[in-house]
Amino acid sequence: MEFTLGILVDNEAGVLARVASLFSRRGYNIQSLAVGPTEEPGTSWITLRAVGDDAVREQMQRQLDKLVEVYAVYHMAEGMSVERELALIKVRTGDRRHEVLQIAQTFRASVVDVASSTVVLETTGDSGKVQALLEVMAEFGVLEVARTGPVAMLRGADVLSEAQDPQRLSQAAHEA
């Protein structure tokens, strides 16, 4: 079972390596990882997707919480968060370019590059939408794929930021 964690950390050298090493030392594989600065100077938001049951997720949350550079760890549970992924997909078009472009439009994908026998499509959405587009385009020949993996944010008024009480947020994350 896949799970997604949102991790608010100090934006400094070595933090990402320490987060990743927690998983590797325990033999857990990270499926995807996205990192970027937040609206708060000096902090970064890590969206991490891994595979494991609830016990694995809870153990990783507890271990991450022990790192000095980690302000909060939150389980980005389905329905409690918004997740989106970006993908660039290079598709062989040949003499079926019109058909490829029509399907891309159906999926609300943008054409970002056109060559004589290929197009590069850009799509955003949940992982299921990205996967569905890949499956449909497989008929034409998918030549290359670059995916970000999901980025996630809590729904509603819940906000993870340094300005809030990290201890309260950390406790809420473990209770989720």
Protein backbone atom coordinates (compact mmCIF):
# COMPACT_ATOMS: atom_id res chain seq x y z
CA MET A 1 0.00 0.00 0.00
CA GLU A 2 1.40 3.39 -0.97
CA PHE A 3 1.37 6.32 1.45
CA THR A 4 2.32 9.96 1.09
CA LEU A 5 4.02 12.05 3.77
CA GLY A 6 4.33 15.82 3.82
CA ILE A 7 7.44 16.91 5.72
CA LEU A 8 8.23 20.50 6.71
CA VAL A 9 12.00 20.89 7.16
CA ASP A 10 14.82 23.40 7.46
CA ASN A 11 16.02 24.45 4.01
CA GLU A 12 19.68 23.59 4.51
CA ALA A 13 22.31 21.27 3.09
CA GLY A 14 22.10 17.62 4.13
CA VAL A 15 18.48 17.54 5.32
CA LEU A 16 17.20 15.64 2.30
CA ALA A 17 20.03 13.11 2.65
CA ARG A 18 19.12 12.51 6.31
CA VAL A 19 15.44 12.02 5.41
CA ALA A 20 16.27 9.58 2.61
CA SER A 21 18.76 7.67 4.75
CA LEU A 22 16.06 6.94 7.34
CA PHE A 23 14.21 4.97 4.68
CA SER A 24 17.24 3.22 3.19
CA ARG A 25 18.62 2.12 6.57
CA ARG A 26 15.35 0.33 7.25
CA GLY A 27 15.12 -1.17 3.77
CA TYR A 28 12.12 0.90 2.62
CA ASN A 29 12.03 2.19 -0.92
CA ILE A 30 10.98 5.77 -1.70
CA GLN A 31 8.66 5.72 -4.74
CA SER A 32 8.86 9.46 -5.40
CA LEU A 33 10.25 12.56 -3.78
CA ALA A 34 9.53 16.23 -4.48
CA VAL A 35 11.20 19.08 -2.60
CA GLY A 36 10.76 22.82 -2.81
CA PRO A 37 10.93 25.98 -0.71
CA THR A 38 7.83 27.13 1.14
CA GLU A 39 6.36 30.58 1.65
CA GLU A 40 8.36 30.76 4.90
CA PRO A 41 12.00 31.73 4.32
CA GLY A 42 14.39 29.00 5.44
CA THR A 43 11.92 26.10 5.18
CA SER A 44 11.24 23.47 2.53
CA TRP A 45 8.33 21.13 1.89
CA ILE A 46 9.07 17.51 1.06
CA THR A 47 6.38 15.32 -0.49
CA LEU A 48 7.50 11.71 -0.14
CA ARG A 49 5.66 8.64 -1.42
CA ALA A 50 6.65 5.17 -0.21
CA VAL A 51 5.22 1.69 0.05
CA GLY A 52 4.28 0.04 3.33
CA ASP A 53 1.43 -0.74 5.66
CA ASP A 54 0.18 1.55 8.44
CA ALA A 55 2.83 0.24 10.84
CA VAL A 56 5.62 1.17 8.40
CA ARG A 57 4.11 4.62 7.82
CA GLU A 58 3.75 5.27 11.55
CA GLN A 59 7.31 4.09 12.23
CA MET A 60 8.68 6.39 9.53
CA GLN A 61 6.67 9.33 10.86
CA ARG A 62 8.08 8.76 14.36
CA GLN A 63 11.63 8.44 13.03
CA LEU A 64 11.33 11.57 10.88
CA ASP A 65 9.90 13.48 13.83
CA LYS A 66 13.12 12.82 15.75
CA LEU A 67 15.26 14.70 13.24
CA VAL A 68 16.18 18.16 14.56
CA GLU A 69 15.63 19.77 11.13
CA VAL A 70 12.06 18.44 10.83
CA TYR A 71 9.29 20.77 12.01
CA ALA A 72 6.32 18.56 11.16
CA VAL A 73 5.42 15.29 9.47
CA TYR A 74 1.92 14.79 8.15
CA HIS A 75 0.26 11.75 6.60
CA MET A 76 -1.31 13.10 3.43
CA ALA A 77 -4.30 10.79 3.64
CA GLU A 78 -6.63 10.42 0.67
CA GLY A 79 -9.45 12.92 0.94
CA MET A 80 -7.51 15.05 3.43
CA SER A 81 -5.04 16.37 0.88
CA VAL A 82 -4.74 17.50 -2.71
CA GLU A 83 -2.12 15.67 -4.79
CA ARG A 84 -0.96 16.57 -8.28
CA GLU A 85 1.75 15.26 -10.55
CA LEU A 86 3.42 16.72 -13.63
CA ALA A 87 4.48 14.56 -16.57
CA LEU A 88 6.15 15.23 -19.89
CA ILE A 89 5.38 12.50 -22.43
CA LYS A 90 7.06 12.18 -25.83
CA VAL A 91 4.75 10.32 -28.22
CA ARG A 92 5.41 9.00 -31.72
CA THR A 93 2.77 10.46 -34.04
CA GLY A 94 3.65 9.34 -37.54
CA ASP A 95 0.60 9.85 -39.75
CA ARG A 96 -1.73 9.81 -36.71
CA ARG A 97 -0.81 13.24 -35.32
CA HIS A 98 -4.41 14.48 -35.40
CA GLU A 99 -5.56 11.48 -33.35
CA VAL A 100 -2.79 12.00 -30.77
CA LEU A 101 -3.66 15.69 -30.43
CA GLN A 102 -7.35 14.92 -30.06
CA ILE A 103 -6.68 12.48 -27.20
CA ALA A 104 -4.30 14.99 -25.60
CA GLN A 105 -7.08 17.60 -25.69
CA THR A 106 -9.49 15.14 -24.06
CA PHE A 107 -7.02 14.72 -21.19
CA ARG A 108 -6.40 18.49 -21.09
CA ALA A 109 -2.75 17.90 -21.86
CA SER A 110 -0.75 20.72 -23.46
CA VAL A 111 1.48 20.29 -26.46
CA VAL A 112 4.87 21.76 -25.52
CA ASP A 113 6.99 20.54 -28.45
CA VAL A 114 6.25 19.40 -31.98
CA ALA A 115 8.64 17.62 -34.34
CA SER A 116 8.05 15.90 -37.66
CA SER A 117 7.18 12.53 -36.11
CA THR A 118 6.70 13.25 -32.38
CA VAL A 119 4.97 15.54 -29.93
CA VAL A 120 5.78 16.25 -26.30
CA LEU A 121 2.73 16.52 -24.08
CA GLU A 122 2.56 18.12 -20.66
CA THR A 123 -0.10 16.93 -18.26
CA THR A 124 -0.90 17.59 -14.63
CA GLY A 125 -3.34 15.82 -12.37
CA ASP A 126 -3.56 12.99 -9.94
CA SER A 127 -1.35 9.97 -10.58
CA GLY A 128 -4.32 8.03 -11.97
CA LYS A 129 -4.92 10.62 -14.70
CA VAL A 130 -1.25 10.64 -15.68
CA GLN A 131 -1.20 6.85 -15.80
CA ALA A 132 -4.40 6.74 -17.86
CA LEU A 133 -2.92 9.12 -20.45
CA LEU A 134 0.23 7.00 -20.64
CA GLU A 135 -1.83 3.87 -21.22
CA VAL A 136 -3.84 5.49 -24.04
CA MET A 137 -0.71 6.93 -25.68
CA ALA A 138 1.04 3.54 -25.53
CA GLU A 139 -0.90 2.60 -28.69
CA PHE A 140 1.00 5.30 -30.60
CA GLY A 141 4.38 4.65 -29.02
CA VAL A 142 5.55 6.43 -25.89
CA LEU A 143 9.22 7.24 -26.49
CA GLU A 144 10.09 9.02 -23.23
CA VAL A 145 8.43 9.94 -19.95
CA ALA A 146 9.58 12.37 -17.24
CA ARG A 147 7.35 12.45 -14.14
CA THR A 148 7.66 14.52 -10.99
CA GLY A 149 5.83 12.19 -8.67
CA PRO A 150 3.11 13.79 -6.60
CA VAL A 151 3.29 17.02 -4.68
CA ALA A 152 0.69 17.36 -1.97
CA MET A 153 -0.98 19.97 0.21
CA LEU A 154 -3.55 19.70 2.99
CA ARG A 155 -7.14 20.57 2.08
CA GLY A 156 -9.07 23.39 3.67
CA ALA A 157 -7.76 25.71 6.35
CA ASP A 158 -5.11 23.29 7.68
CA VAL A 159 -1.66 24.73 7.03
CA LEU A 160 1.74 23.36 7.91
CA SER A 161 4.10 26.23 8.41
CA GLU A 162 6.81 27.25 10.78
CA ALA A 163 4.52 29.97 12.15
CA GLN A 164 2.20 27.32 13.59
CA ASP A 165 2.97 25.15 16.60
CA PRO A 166 5.08 22.29 15.17
CA GLN A 167 4.43 20.10 18.24
CA ARG A 168 0.65 20.32 17.73
CA LEU A 169 1.01 19.58 14.03
CA SER A 170 3.30 16.65 14.70
CA GLN A 171 0.80 15.16 17.14
CA ALA A 172 -2.04 15.67 14.66
CA ALA A 173 0.01 13.91 12.00
CA HIS A 174 0.43 10.84 14.18
CA GLU A 175 -3.27 10.77 15.00
CA ALA A 176 -4.30 10.93 11.31
